[in-house]
């Protein structure tokens, strides 16, 4: 049985196969967009580190509860920016040097409690299966049947507390997916990746120990003020942006039999975060990123402009503010139909 359900009022895209290829898109993009600049990438990394250090210096000097809420928001946002630098490292688009990608990836991610290789590999799985209900790694829909079988606690966690989900996801992935990001025996990883995973897990554990020492040495309140609260802001940013890029009423999802890479890569949406765009390294240019994941973040805008004429109606760009879109998607994107190869999110009935 073939069932395709779209929310009333949305415009349907053609149901035939996509009328262009990856090669068509690649040929339209200037060659320089695929070339990482080690110097430019490092400049973004050191800029973020410098701003983070400066904010810590100001907060420590003022030591004022009037300033701390603003500090938490700014520092948490900079943690998120640092994550995006490590994100480039994970895609090997930071540099052509593998050792440098790994080094900066760990320096970017370990201080914000992300196990670099464990995350890198699961994120690789997400990119290789985007838009596939059966095999995507994160932010994929649940069926109406599964929704109806969820208890009140399960619904509350998934639909009300999802902006704090990321730390839990590292240990227990998404519902229905087994394995931890810290253990090399997880089905996320190949046997050849064992030492990569163990390296990141060891560094993560050492940093957790360092945070514990900070709390013991200077007190829990000190740790809360200078690390935990900015970290929570970072987690909200990470979950918010990921949610927004893959959750819209008119973004299609495919079951395994009808999915292929380009279809899935186009099941995302570009968003404008206003003045935050440059702070978090234009992560809002998400369509081009999913099609060509090895492209440095600083070339994504040029690449997007180059492929827009080819993508046509297949290019999705949000017209509403991120808060309007977030509110709409949080209310309307609840589950997908139990059957059908191409399906759309549905609201509660």
C-alpha atoms as a PDB file:
ATOM      1  CA  UNK A   1       0.000   0.000   0.000  1.00  0.00           C
ATOM      2  CA  UNK A   2       1.409   3.370  -1.023  1.00  0.00           C
ATOM      3  CA  UNK A   3       0.444   6.221   1.293  1.00  0.00           C
ATOM      4  CA  UNK A   4       1.746   9.744   1.039  1.00  0.00           C
ATOM      5  CA  UNK A   5       0.303  12.278   3.437  1.00  0.00           C
ATOM      6  CA  UNK A   6       1.096  15.979   3.354  1.00  0.00           C
ATOM      7  CA  UNK A   7      -0.355  18.631   5.651  1.00  0.00           C
ATOM      8  CA  UNK A   8      -3.183  20.585   4.055  1.00  0.00           C
ATOM      9  CA  UNK A   9      -2.072  23.709   2.220  1.00  0.00           C
ATOM     10  CA  UNK A  10       1.454  22.586   1.301  1.00  0.00           C
ATOM     11  CA  UNK A  11       2.589  22.405  -2.290  1.00  0.00           C
ATOM     12  CA  UNK A  12       3.544  18.931  -3.479  1.00  0.00           C
ATOM     13  CA  UNK A  13       6.835  18.420  -5.241  1.00  0.00           C
ATOM     14  CA  UNK A  14       6.979  16.204  -8.330  1.00  0.00           C
ATOM     15  CA  UNK A  15       6.593  12.531  -7.472  1.00  0.00           C
ATOM     16  CA  UNK A  16       8.929  11.315 -10.214  1.00  0.00           C
ATOM     17  CA  UNK A  17      12.629  10.766  -9.627  1.00  0.00           C
ATOM     18  CA  UNK A  18      14.703  13.888  -9.018  1.00  0.00           C
ATOM     19  CA  UNK A  19      15.484  15.459 -12.439  1.00  0.00           C
ATOM     20  CA  UNK A  20      19.146  16.204 -11.702  1.00  0.00           C
ATOM     21  CA  UNK A  21      22.128  14.283 -10.399  1.00  0.00           C
ATOM     22  CA  UNK A  22      24.874  14.831  -7.865  1.00  0.00           C
ATOM     23  CA  UNK A  23      27.222  15.421 -10.796  1.00  0.00           C
ATOM     24  CA  UNK A  24      24.968  18.180 -12.133  1.00  0.00           C
ATOM     25  CA  UNK A  25      25.129  19.916  -8.772  1.00  0.00           C
ATOM     26  CA  UNK A  26      28.861  19.404  -8.321  1.00  0.00           C
ATOM     27  CA  UNK A  27      29.620  20.754 -11.800  1.00  0.00           C
ATOM     28  CA  UNK A  28      27.701  23.951 -10.989  1.00  0.00           C
ATOM     29  CA  UNK A  29      29.819  24.719  -7.929  1.00  0.00           C
ATOM     30  CA  UNK A  30      33.167  26.533  -8.286  1.00  0.00           C
ATOM     31  CA  UNK A  31      36.118  24.252  -7.581  1.00  0.00           C
ATOM     32  CA  UNK A  32      37.429  26.426  -4.754  1.00  0.00           C
ATOM     33  CA  UNK A  33      34.334  25.611  -2.676  1.00  0.00           C
ATOM     34  CA  UNK A  34      35.664  22.090  -2.174  1.00  0.00           C
ATOM     35  CA  UNK A  35      39.137  23.227  -1.089  1.00  0.00           C
ATOM     36  CA  UNK A  36      39.729  23.716   2.649  1.00  0.00           C
ATOM     37  CA  UNK A  37      42.188  26.388   3.727  1.00  0.00           C
ATOM     38  CA  UNK A  38      44.120  25.219   6.782  1.00  0.00           C
ATOM     39  CA  UNK A  39      45.012  28.786   7.715  1.00  0.00           C
ATOM     40  CA  UNK A  40      41.456  30.051   7.418  1.00  0.00           C
ATOM     41  CA  UNK A  41      40.054  27.095   9.340  1.00  0.00           C
ATOM     42  CA  UNK A  42      42.596  27.572  12.129  1.00  0.00           C
ATOM     43  CA  UNK A  43      41.727  31.263  12.265  1.00  0.00           C
ATOM     44  CA  UNK A  44      38.099  30.413  13.066  1.00  0.00           C
ATOM     45  CA  UNK A  45      39.227  27.955  15.740  1.00  0.00           C
ATOM     46  CA  UNK A  46      41.555  30.423  17.448  1.00  0.00           C
ATOM     47  CA  UNK A  47      38.987  33.208  17.157  1.00  0.00           C
ATOM     48  CA  UNK A  48      36.426  31.085  18.997  1.00  0.00           C
ATOM     49  CA  UNK A  49      38.966  30.063  21.642  1.00  0.00           C
ATOM     50  CA  UNK A  50      39.983  33.707  22.080  1.00  0.00           C
ATOM     51  CA  UNK A  51      36.398  34.880  22.559  1.00  0.00           C
ATOM     52  CA  UNK A  52      35.713  32.063  25.033  1.00  0.00           C
ATOM     53  CA  UNK A  53      38.840  32.959  27.023  1.00  0.00           C
ATOM     54  CA  UNK A  54      37.891  36.646  26.955  1.00  0.00           C
ATOM     55  CA  UNK A  55      34.388  35.941  28.226  1.00  0.00           C
ATOM     56  CA  UNK A  56      35.812  33.842  31.050  1.00  0.00           C
ATOM     57  CA  UNK A  57      38.154  36.669  31.969  1.00  0.00           C
ATOM     58  CA  UNK A  58      35.330  39.213  32.078  1.00  0.00           C
ATOM     59  CA  UNK A  59      33.010  36.935  34.051  1.00  0.00           C
ATOM     60  CA  UNK A  60      35.703  36.075  36.591  1.00  0.00           C
ATOM     61  CA  UNK A  61      36.664  39.732  37.033  1.00  0.00           C
ATOM     62  CA  UNK A  62      33.098  40.978  37.464  1.00  0.00           C
ATOM     63  CA  UNK A  63      31.872  37.952  39.434  1.00  0.00           C
ATOM     64  CA  UNK A  64      28.397  39.491  39.384  1.00  0.00           C
ATOM     65  CA  UNK A  65      25.095  37.652  39.395  1.00  0.00           C
ATOM     66  CA  UNK A  66      23.745  40.492  37.278  1.00  0.00           C
ATOM     67  CA  UNK A  67      26.224  39.577  34.538  1.00  0.00           C
ATOM     68  CA  UNK A  68      26.164  35.787  34.811  1.00  0.00           C
ATOM     69  CA  UNK A  69      22.890  35.173  32.893  1.00  0.00           C
ATOM     70  CA  UNK A  70      24.257  37.161  29.944  1.00  0.00           C
ATOM     71  CA  UNK A  71      27.585  35.354  30.299  1.00  0.00           C
ATOM     72  CA  UNK A  72      25.864  31.956  30.223  1.00  0.00           C
ATOM     73  CA  UNK A  73      24.015  32.856  27.029  1.00  0.00           C
ATOM     74  CA  UNK A  74      27.105  34.252  25.280  1.00  0.00           C
ATOM     75  CA  UNK A  75      29.497  31.546  26.453  1.00  0.00           C
ATOM     76  CA  UNK A  76      27.058  28.748  25.665  1.00  0.00           C
ATOM     77  CA  UNK A  77      26.668  30.199  22.178  1.00  0.00           C
ATOM     78  CA  UNK A  78      30.455  30.225  21.792  1.00  0.00           C
ATOM     79  CA  UNK A  79      30.604  26.594  22.965  1.00  0.00           C
ATOM     80  CA  UNK A  80      28.159  25.895  20.134  1.00  0.00           C
ATOM     81  CA  UNK A  81      30.369  27.801  17.673  1.00  0.00           C
ATOM     82  CA  UNK A  82      33.342  25.728  18.823  1.00  0.00           C
ATOM     83  CA  UNK A  83      31.297  22.592  18.238  1.00  0.00           C
ATOM     84  CA  UNK A  84      30.730  23.669  14.625  1.00  0.00           C
ATOM     85  CA  UNK A  85      34.513  23.990  14.133  1.00  0.00           C
ATOM     86  CA  UNK A  86      34.867  20.429  15.402  1.00  0.00           C
ATOM     87  CA  UNK A  87      31.992  19.508  13.102  1.00  0.00           C
ATOM     88  CA  UNK A  88      34.139  20.529  10.123  1.00  0.00           C
ATOM     89  CA  UNK A  89      36.962  18.414  11.550  1.00  0.00           C
ATOM     90  CA  UNK A  90      34.624  15.436  11.763  1.00  0.00           C
ATOM     91  CA  UNK A  91      33.738  15.834   8.092  1.00  0.00           C
ATOM     92  CA  UNK A  92      37.436  16.240   7.187  1.00  0.00           C
ATOM     93  CA  UNK A  93      36.591  19.629   5.696  1.00  0.00           C
ATOM     94  CA  UNK A  94      38.678  21.568   8.215  1.00  0.00           C
ATOM     95  CA  UNK A  95      41.956  20.568   6.577  1.00  0.00           C
ATOM     96  CA  UNK A  96      43.419  18.077   4.140  1.00  0.00           C
ATOM     97  CA  UNK A  97      45.574  16.741   6.993  1.00  0.00           C
ATOM     98  CA  UNK A  98      43.903  13.907   8.886  1.00  0.00           C
ATOM     99  CA  UNK A  99      46.083  14.373  11.972  1.00  0.00           C
ATOM    100  CA  UNK A 100      45.143  18.071  12.160  1.00  0.00           C
ATOM    101  CA  UNK A 101      41.436  17.315  11.776  1.00  0.00           C
ATOM    102  CA  UNK A 102      41.699  14.853  14.661  1.00  0.00           C
ATOM    103  CA  UNK A 103      43.741  17.215  16.834  1.00  0.00           C
ATOM    104  CA  UNK A 104      41.493  20.255  16.402  1.00  0.00           C
ATOM    105  CA  UNK A 105      38.420  18.025  16.576  1.00  0.00           C
ATOM    106  CA  UNK A 106      39.451  16.825  20.023  1.00  0.00           C
ATOM    107  CA  UNK A 107      40.495  20.304  21.153  1.00  0.00           C
ATOM    108  CA  UNK A 108      37.116  21.649  20.040  1.00  0.00           C
ATOM    109  CA  UNK A 109      34.881  18.864  21.285  1.00  0.00           C
ATOM    110  CA  UNK A 110      36.442  17.458  24.448  1.00  0.00           C
ATOM    111  CA  UNK A 111      36.011  20.704  26.466  1.00  0.00           C
ATOM    112  CA  UNK A 112      32.279  20.673  25.651  1.00  0.00           C
ATOM    113  CA  UNK A 113      31.934  16.976  26.560  1.00  0.00           C
ATOM    114  CA  UNK A 114      31.566  15.589  23.059  1.00  0.00           C
ATOM    115  CA  UNK A 115      33.556  12.389  22.346  1.00  0.00           C
ATOM    116  CA  UNK A 116      34.982  13.474  19.004  1.00  0.00           C
ATOM    117  CA  UNK A 117      35.414  10.143  17.209  1.00  0.00           C
ATOM    118  CA  UNK A 118      32.269   8.598  18.662  1.00  0.00           C
ATOM    119  CA  UNK A 119      30.254  11.599  17.537  1.00  0.00           C
ATOM    120  CA  UNK A 120      32.089  11.817  14.192  1.00  0.00           C
ATOM    121  CA  UNK A 121      31.173   8.251  13.311  1.00  0.00           C
ATOM    122  CA  UNK A 122      27.506   8.476  14.361  1.00  0.00           C
ATOM    123  CA  UNK A 123      27.255  11.772  12.494  1.00  0.00           C
ATOM    124  CA  UNK A 124      28.682  10.020   9.444  1.00  0.00           C
ATOM    125  CA  UNK A 125      25.832   7.523   9.788  1.00  0.00           C
ATOM    126  CA  UNK A 126      23.327  10.385   9.933  1.00  0.00           C
ATOM    127  CA  UNK A 127      24.680  11.947   6.745  1.00  0.00           C
ATOM    128  CA  UNK A 128      24.755   8.626   4.923  1.00  0.00           C
ATOM    129  CA  UNK A 129      21.097   7.968   5.819  1.00  0.00           C
ATOM    130  CA  UNK A 130      19.458  11.390   6.077  1.00  0.00           C
ATOM    131  CA  UNK A 131      15.714  11.262   5.493  1.00  0.00           C
ATOM    132  CA  UNK A 132      15.556   7.472   5.839  1.00  0.00           C
ATOM    133  CA  UNK A 133      13.120   6.536   8.595  1.00  0.00           C
ATOM    134  CA  UNK A 134      14.615   3.062   8.888  1.00  0.00           C
ATOM    135  CA  UNK A 135      18.320   3.951   9.116  1.00  0.00           C
ATOM    136  CA  UNK A 136      18.802   7.644   9.970  1.00  0.00           C
ATOM    137  CA  UNK A 137      20.749   8.260  13.156  1.00  0.00           C
ATOM    138  CA  UNK A 138      19.045  11.240  14.772  1.00  0.00           C
ATOM    139  CA  UNK A 139      15.835  13.283  14.733  1.00  0.00           C
ATOM    140  CA  UNK A 140      13.939  10.753  12.671  1.00  0.00           C
ATOM    141  CA  UNK A 141      10.157  10.431  13.112  1.00  0.00           C
ATOM    142  CA  UNK A 142       8.220   7.836  15.035  1.00  0.00           C
ATOM    143  CA  UNK A 143       5.211   6.101  13.501  1.00  0.00           C
ATOM    144  CA  UNK A 144       1.673   6.822  14.632  1.00  0.00           C
ATOM    145  CA  UNK A 145       1.543   3.291  16.053  1.00  0.00           C
ATOM    146  CA  UNK A 146       4.657   3.881  18.184  1.00  0.00           C
ATOM    147  CA  UNK A 147       3.304   7.251  19.278  1.00  0.00           C
ATOM    148  CA  UNK A 148       0.035   5.702  20.442  1.00  0.00           C
ATOM    149  CA  UNK A 149       1.971   3.103  22.438  1.00  0.00           C
ATOM    150  CA  UNK A 150       4.184   5.647  24.233  1.00  0.00           C
ATOM    151  CA  UNK A 151       3.474   6.283  27.892  1.00  0.00           C
ATOM    152  CA  UNK A 152       3.130   9.761  29.369  1.00  0.00           C
ATOM    153  CA  UNK A 153       6.759   9.901  30.481  1.00  0.00           C
ATOM    154  CA  UNK A 154       8.038   8.872  27.063  1.00  0.00           C
ATOM    155  CA  UNK A 155       5.908  11.524  25.357  1.00  0.00           C
ATOM    156  CA  UNK A 156       7.015  14.199  27.820  1.00  0.00           C
ATOM    157  CA  UNK A 157      10.690  13.445  27.212  1.00  0.00           C
ATOM    158  CA  UNK A 158      10.426  13.322  23.433  1.00  0.00           C
ATOM    159  CA  UNK A 159       8.076  16.243  22.883  1.00  0.00           C
ATOM    160  CA  UNK A 160       8.742  18.571  25.824  1.00  0.00           C
ATOM    161  CA  UNK A 161      12.335  18.019  26.916  1.00  0.00           C
ATOM    162  CA  UNK A 162      13.991  17.317  23.568  1.00  0.00           C
ATOM    163  CA  UNK A 163      16.126  20.477  23.709  1.00  0.00           C
ATOM    164  CA  UNK A 164      18.102  18.803  26.495  1.00  0.00           C
ATOM    165  CA  UNK A 165      18.371  15.424  24.770  1.00  0.00           C
ATOM    166  CA  UNK A 166      21.940  15.474  23.490  1.00  0.00           C
ATOM    167  CA  UNK A 167      23.870  14.328  26.605  1.00  0.00           C
ATOM    168  CA  UNK A 168      21.495  11.370  26.946  1.00  0.00           C
ATOM    169  CA  UNK A 169      21.778  10.569  23.239  1.00  0.00           C
ATOM    170  CA  UNK A 170      25.524  10.109  23.663  1.00  0.00           C
ATOM    171  CA  UNK A 171      24.897   7.257  26.071  1.00  0.00           C
ATOM    172  CA  UNK A 172      21.762   5.721  24.601  1.00  0.00           C
ATOM    173  CA  UNK A 173      21.236   7.095  21.121  1.00  0.00           C
ATOM    174  CA  UNK A 174      17.699   7.509  19.804  1.00  0.00           C
ATOM    175  CA  UNK A 175      14.768   5.182  20.598  1.00  0.00           C
ATOM    176  CA  UNK A 176      15.166   1.907  18.756  1.00  0.00           C
ATOM    177  CA  UNK A 177      18.899   2.401  18.139  1.00  0.00           C
ATOM    178  CA  UNK A 178      21.278   0.468  20.375  1.00  0.00           C
ATOM    179  CA  UNK A 179      24.774   1.419  21.441  1.00  0.00           C
ATOM    180  CA  UNK A 180      26.765   4.116  23.178  1.00  0.00           C
ATOM    181  CA  UNK A 181      29.099   6.690  21.642  1.00  0.00           C
ATOM    182  CA  UNK A 182      31.742   5.732  24.197  1.00  0.00           C
ATOM    183  CA  UNK A 183      32.067   1.960  23.758  1.00  0.00           C
ATOM    184  CA  UNK A 184      33.888   0.504  20.738  1.00  0.00           C
ATOM    185  CA  UNK A 185      31.618  -2.558  20.842  1.00  0.00           C
ATOM    186  CA  UNK A 186      28.601  -0.430  19.895  1.00  0.00           C
ATOM    187  CA  UNK A 187      27.024  -1.315  16.559  1.00  0.00           C
ATOM    188  CA  UNK A 188      27.793   2.258  15.528  1.00  0.00           C
ATOM    189  CA  UNK A 189      31.429   1.371  14.988  1.00  0.00           C
ATOM    190  CA  UNK A 190      33.577  -0.846  12.811  1.00  0.00           C
ATOM    191  CA  UNK A 191      36.234  -2.996  14.450  1.00  0.00           C
ATOM    192  CA  UNK A 192      38.913  -0.858  12.767  1.00  0.00           C
ATOM    193  CA  UNK A 193      37.609   2.198  14.650  1.00  0.00           C
ATOM    194  CA  UNK A 194      38.165   0.723  18.115  1.00  0.00           C
ATOM    195  CA  UNK A 195      41.182   2.827  19.049  1.00  0.00           C
ATOM    196  CA  UNK A 196      39.674   6.022  17.706  1.00  0.00           C
ATOM    197  CA  UNK A 197      36.644   5.509  19.939  1.00  0.00           C
ATOM    198  CA  UNK A 198      38.753   4.577  22.968  1.00  0.00           C
ATOM    199  CA  UNK A 199      40.952   7.646  22.479  1.00  0.00           C
ATOM    200  CA  UNK A 200      37.982  10.015  22.480  1.00  0.00           C
ATOM    201  CA  UNK A 201      36.364   8.209  25.396  1.00  0.00           C
ATOM    202  CA  UNK A 202      39.591   8.457  27.431  1.00  0.00           C
ATOM    203  CA  UNK A 203      39.938  12.189  26.738  1.00  0.00           C
ATOM    204  CA  UNK A 204      36.268  12.758  27.576  1.00  0.00           C
ATOM    205  CA  UNK A 205      36.696  10.862  30.850  1.00  0.00           C
ATOM    206  CA  UNK A 206      39.800  12.857  31.764  1.00  0.00           C
ATOM    207  CA  UNK A 207      37.957  16.115  31.162  1.00  0.00           C
ATOM    208  CA  UNK A 208      35.026  14.970  33.309  1.00  0.00           C
ATOM    209  CA  UNK A 209      37.593  14.208  36.011  1.00  0.00           C
ATOM    210  CA  UNK A 210      39.057  17.684  35.561  1.00  0.00           C
ATOM    211  CA  UNK A 211      35.604  19.225  36.010  1.00  0.00           C
ATOM    212  CA  UNK A 212      35.144  17.137  39.138  1.00  0.00           C
ATOM    213  CA  UNK A 213      38.450  18.462  40.475  1.00  0.00           C
ATOM    214  CA  UNK A 214      37.338  22.036  39.702  1.00  0.00           C
ATOM    215  CA  UNK A 215      34.141  21.466  41.638  1.00  0.00           C
ATOM    216  CA  UNK A 216      36.034  19.957  44.582  1.00  0.00           C
ATOM    217  CA  UNK A 217      38.683  22.682  44.591  1.00  0.00           C
ATOM    218  CA  UNK A 218      36.489  25.757  44.061  1.00  0.00           C
ATOM    219  CA  UNK A 219      33.020  24.554  44.980  1.00  0.00           C
ATOM    220  CA  UNK A 220      29.917  23.391  43.141  1.00  0.00           C
ATOM    221  CA  UNK A 221      28.580  26.927  42.750  1.00  0.00           C
ATOM    222  CA  UNK A 222      31.794  27.956  40.969  1.00  0.00           C
ATOM    223  CA  UNK A 223      31.436  24.989  38.598  1.00  0.00           C
ATOM    224  CA  UNK A 224      27.787  25.799  37.952  1.00  0.00           C
ATOM    225  CA  UNK A 225      28.499  29.465  37.241  1.00  0.00           C
ATOM    226  CA  UNK A 226      31.466  28.978  34.957  1.00  0.00           C
ATOM    227  CA  UNK A 227      30.781  25.688  33.199  1.00  0.00           C
ATOM    228  CA  UNK A 228      27.480  23.888  33.767  1.00  0.00           C
ATOM    229  CA  UNK A 229      25.181  26.768  32.831  1.00  0.00           C
ATOM    230  CA  UNK A 230      27.049  27.664  29.590  1.00  0.00           C
ATOM    231  CA  UNK A 231      27.164  23.949  28.790  1.00  0.00           C
ATOM    232  CA  UNK A 232      23.371  23.698  29.080  1.00  0.00           C
ATOM    233  CA  UNK A 233      22.969  26.672  26.726  1.00  0.00           C
ATOM    234  CA  UNK A 234      25.268  24.871  24.269  1.00  0.00           C
ATOM    235  CA  UNK A 235      23.139  21.706  24.511  1.00  0.00           C
ATOM    236  CA  UNK A 236      19.988  23.701  23.760  1.00  0.00           C
ATOM    237  CA  UNK A 237      21.661  25.277  20.714  1.00  0.00           C
ATOM    238  CA  UNK A 238      22.803  21.891  19.434  1.00  0.00           C
ATOM    239  CA  UNK A 239      19.394  20.278  19.834  1.00  0.00           C
ATOM    240  CA  UNK A 240      17.521  23.330  18.536  1.00  0.00           C
ATOM    241  CA  UNK A 241      19.546  23.681  15.346  1.00  0.00           C
ATOM    242  CA  UNK A 242      19.522  19.959  14.594  1.00  0.00           C
ATOM    243  CA  UNK A 243      15.774  19.805  15.193  1.00  0.00           C
ATOM    244  CA  UNK A 244      15.095  22.817  12.969  1.00  0.00           C
ATOM    245  CA  UNK A 245      17.138  21.489  10.067  1.00  0.00           C
ATOM    246  CA  UNK A 246      15.316  18.176   9.910  1.00  0.00           C
ATOM    247  CA  UNK A 247      11.819  18.875  11.227  1.00  0.00           C
ATOM    248  CA  UNK A 248       9.233  20.682   9.106  1.00  0.00           C
ATOM    249  CA  UNK A 249       5.690  19.678   8.133  1.00  0.00           C
ATOM    250  CA  UNK A 250       6.547  19.709   4.416  1.00  0.00           C
ATOM    251  CA  UNK A 251       9.873  17.849   4.568  1.00  0.00           C
ATOM    252  CA  UNK A 252       9.402  14.297   3.248  1.00  0.00           C
ATOM    253  CA  UNK A 253      10.746  11.157   4.892  1.00  0.00           C
ATOM    254  CA  UNK A 254      11.326   7.906   3.035  1.00  0.00           C
ATOM    255  CA  UNK A 255      11.271   4.271   3.980  1.00  0.00           C
ATOM    256  CA  UNK A 256      14.203   2.174   2.939  1.00  0.00           C
ATOM    257  CA  UNK A 257      12.764   0.790  -0.316  1.00  0.00           C
ATOM    258  CA  UNK A 258      12.254   4.218  -1.895  1.00  0.00           C
ATOM    259  CA  UNK A 259      15.167   6.131  -0.365  1.00  0.00           C
ATOM    260  CA  UNK A 260      18.455   7.046  -1.984  1.00  0.00           C
ATOM    261  CA  UNK A 261      21.171   9.475  -0.953  1.00  0.00           C
ATOM    262  CA  UNK A 262      20.200  12.576  -2.943  1.00  0.00           C
ATOM    263  CA  UNK A 263      16.553  12.265  -1.950  1.00  0.00           C
ATOM    264  CA  UNK A 264      17.550  12.168   1.684  1.00  0.00           C
ATOM    265  CA  UNK A 265      20.088  14.967   1.393  1.00  0.00           C
ATOM    266  CA  UNK A 266      17.352  17.238   0.050  1.00  0.00           C
ATOM    267  CA  UNK A 267      15.138  16.456   3.054  1.00  0.00           C
ATOM    268  CA  UNK A 268      16.547  19.331   5.035  1.00  0.00           C
ATOM    269  CA  UNK A 269      16.083  23.090   5.083  1.00  0.00           C
ATOM    270  CA  UNK A 270      18.209  26.241   5.186  1.00  0.00           C
ATOM    271  CA  UNK A 271      17.518  28.714   7.974  1.00  0.00           C
ATOM    272  CA  UNK A 272      18.489  32.273   8.736  1.00  0.00           C
ATOM    273  CA  UNK A 273      19.626  32.821  12.339  1.00  0.00           C
ATOM    274  CA  UNK A 274      20.202  36.541  11.890  1.00  0.00           C
ATOM    275  CA  UNK A 275      23.340  37.965  13.457  1.00  0.00           C
ATOM    276  CA  UNK A 276      24.112  34.502  14.888  1.00  0.00           C
ATOM    277  CA  UNK A 277      24.886  33.226  11.354  1.00  0.00           C
ATOM    278  CA  UNK A 278      28.498  34.377  11.397  1.00  0.00           C
ATOM    279  CA  UNK A 279      28.986  33.451  15.054  1.00  0.00           C
ATOM    280  CA  UNK A 280      28.072  29.818  14.513  1.00  0.00           C
ATOM    281  CA  UNK A 281      29.829  29.619  11.162  1.00  0.00           C
ATOM    282  CA  UNK A 282      26.825  29.633   8.811  1.00  0.00           C
ATOM    283  CA  UNK A 283      25.592  26.234   9.944  1.00  0.00           C
ATOM    284  CA  UNK A 284      22.170  27.382   8.699  1.00  0.00           C
ATOM    285  CA  UNK A 285      23.267  26.667   5.095  1.00  0.00           C
ATOM    286  CA  UNK A 286      22.313  23.053   5.600  1.00  0.00           C
ATOM    287  CA  UNK A 287      21.078  21.859   2.209  1.00  0.00           C
ATOM    288  CA  UNK A 288      24.436  22.247   0.455  1.00  0.00           C
ATOM    289  CA  UNK A 289      26.155  20.792   3.507  1.00  0.00           C
ATOM    290  CA  UNK A 290      24.091  17.604   3.315  1.00  0.00           C
ATOM    291  CA  UNK A 291      24.699  17.197  -0.394  1.00  0.00           C
ATOM    292  CA  UNK A 292      28.468  17.827  -0.156  1.00  0.00           C
ATOM    293  CA  UNK A 293      29.460  17.119   3.425  1.00  0.00           C
ATOM    294  CA  UNK A 294      33.197  17.570   2.802  1.00  0.00           C
ATOM    295  CA  UNK A 295      32.795  21.271   1.994  1.00  0.00           C
ATOM    296  CA  UNK A 296      34.248  23.829   4.471  1.00  0.00           C
ATOM    297  CA  UNK A 297      31.606  25.914   6.212  1.00  0.00           C
ATOM    298  CA  UNK A 298      33.001  29.161   4.793  1.00  0.00           C
ATOM    299  CA  UNK A 299      32.208  28.075   1.220  1.00  0.00           C
ATOM    300  CA  UNK A 300      28.660  26.834   1.824  1.00  0.00           C
ATOM    301  CA  UNK A 301      26.956  30.131   1.006  1.00  0.00           C
ATOM    302  CA  UNK A 302      28.685  30.400  -2.381  1.00  0.00           C
ATOM    303  CA  UNK A 303      27.894  26.767  -3.131  1.00  0.00           C
ATOM    304  CA  UNK A 304      24.257  27.279  -2.194  1.00  0.00           C
ATOM    305  CA  UNK A 305      23.890  30.191  -4.601  1.00  0.00           C
ATOM    306  CA  UNK A 306      25.479  28.090  -7.354  1.00  0.00           C
ATOM    307  CA  UNK A 307      23.081  25.149  -7.007  1.00  0.00           C
ATOM    308  CA  UNK A 308      19.841  27.012  -6.344  1.00  0.00           C
ATOM    309  CA  UNK A 309      18.964  27.329 -10.071  1.00  0.00           C
ATOM    310  CA  UNK A 310      19.358  23.576 -10.504  1.00  0.00           C
ATOM    311  CA  UNK A 311      17.523  22.615  -7.318  1.00  0.00           C
ATOM    312  CA  UNK A 312      14.532  24.795  -8.138  1.00  0.00           C
ATOM    313  CA  UNK A 313      11.565  23.716  -6.003  1.00  0.00           C
ATOM    314  CA  UNK A 314      13.682  21.040  -4.368  1.00  0.00           C
ATOM    315  CA  UNK A 315      15.566  23.739  -2.474  1.00  0.00           C
ATOM    316  CA  UNK A 316      13.987  24.537   0.869  1.00  0.00           C
ATOM    317  CA  UNK A 317      14.628  27.805   2.655  1.00  0.00           C
ATOM    318  CA  UNK A 318      12.629  28.850   5.704  1.00  0.00           C
ATOM    319  CA  UNK A 319      10.761  32.129   5.308  1.00  0.00           C
ATOM    320  CA  UNK A 320       9.664  32.365   8.939  1.00  0.00           C
ATOM    321  CA  UNK A 321      11.847  33.214  11.900  1.00  0.00           C
ATOM    322  CA  UNK A 322      13.493  30.300  13.667  1.00  0.00           C
ATOM    323  CA  UNK A 323      11.193  30.799  16.668  1.00  0.00           C
ATOM    324  CA  UNK A 324       8.041  30.730  14.553  1.00  0.00           C
ATOM    325  CA  UNK A 325       9.311  27.633  12.754  1.00  0.00           C
ATOM    326  CA  UNK A 326      10.288  25.990  16.021  1.00  0.00           C
ATOM    327  CA  UNK A 327       6.876  26.598  17.564  1.00  0.00           C
ATOM    328  CA  UNK A 328       5.073  25.293  14.478  1.00  0.00           C
ATOM    329  CA  UNK A 329       7.228  22.176  14.112  1.00  0.00           C
ATOM    330  CA  UNK A 330       7.105  21.364  17.828  1.00  0.00           C
ATOM    331  CA  UNK A 331       3.283  21.407  17.657  1.00  0.00           C
ATOM    332  CA  UNK A 332       2.705  19.832  14.242  1.00  0.00           C
ATOM    333  CA  UNK A 333       5.567  17.375  13.696  1.00  0.00           C
ATOM    334  CA  UNK A 334       4.583  14.533  16.006  1.00  0.00           C
ATOM    335  CA  UNK A 335       4.521  11.276  14.048  1.00  0.00           C
ATOM    336  CA  UNK A 336       4.357   9.884  10.512  1.00  0.00           C
ATOM    337  CA  UNK A 337       1.784   7.450   9.051  1.00  0.00           C
ATOM    338  CA  UNK A 338       2.348   3.778   9.749  1.00  0.00           C
ATOM    339  CA  UNK A 339       2.504   2.941   6.050  1.00  0.00           C
ATOM    340  CA  UNK A 340       3.812   4.520   2.888  1.00  0.00           C
ATOM    341  CA  UNK A 341       7.183   4.913   1.232  1.00  0.00           C
ATOM    342  CA  UNK A 342       7.133   8.729   1.229  1.00  0.00           C
ATOM    343  CA  UNK A 343       5.528  10.278   4.272  1.00  0.00           C
ATOM    344  CA  UNK A 344       5.278  13.571   6.135  1.00  0.00           C
ATOM    345  CA  UNK A 345       5.011  14.556   9.762  1.00  0.00           C
ATOM    346  CA  UNK A 346       1.488  14.752  11.147  1.00  0.00           C
ATOM    347  CA  UNK A 347       0.067  16.662  14.160  1.00  0.00           C
ATOM    348  CA  UNK A 348      -1.698  15.049  17.095  1.00  0.00           C
ATOM    349  CA  UNK A 349      -5.243  13.922  16.289  1.00  0.00           C
END
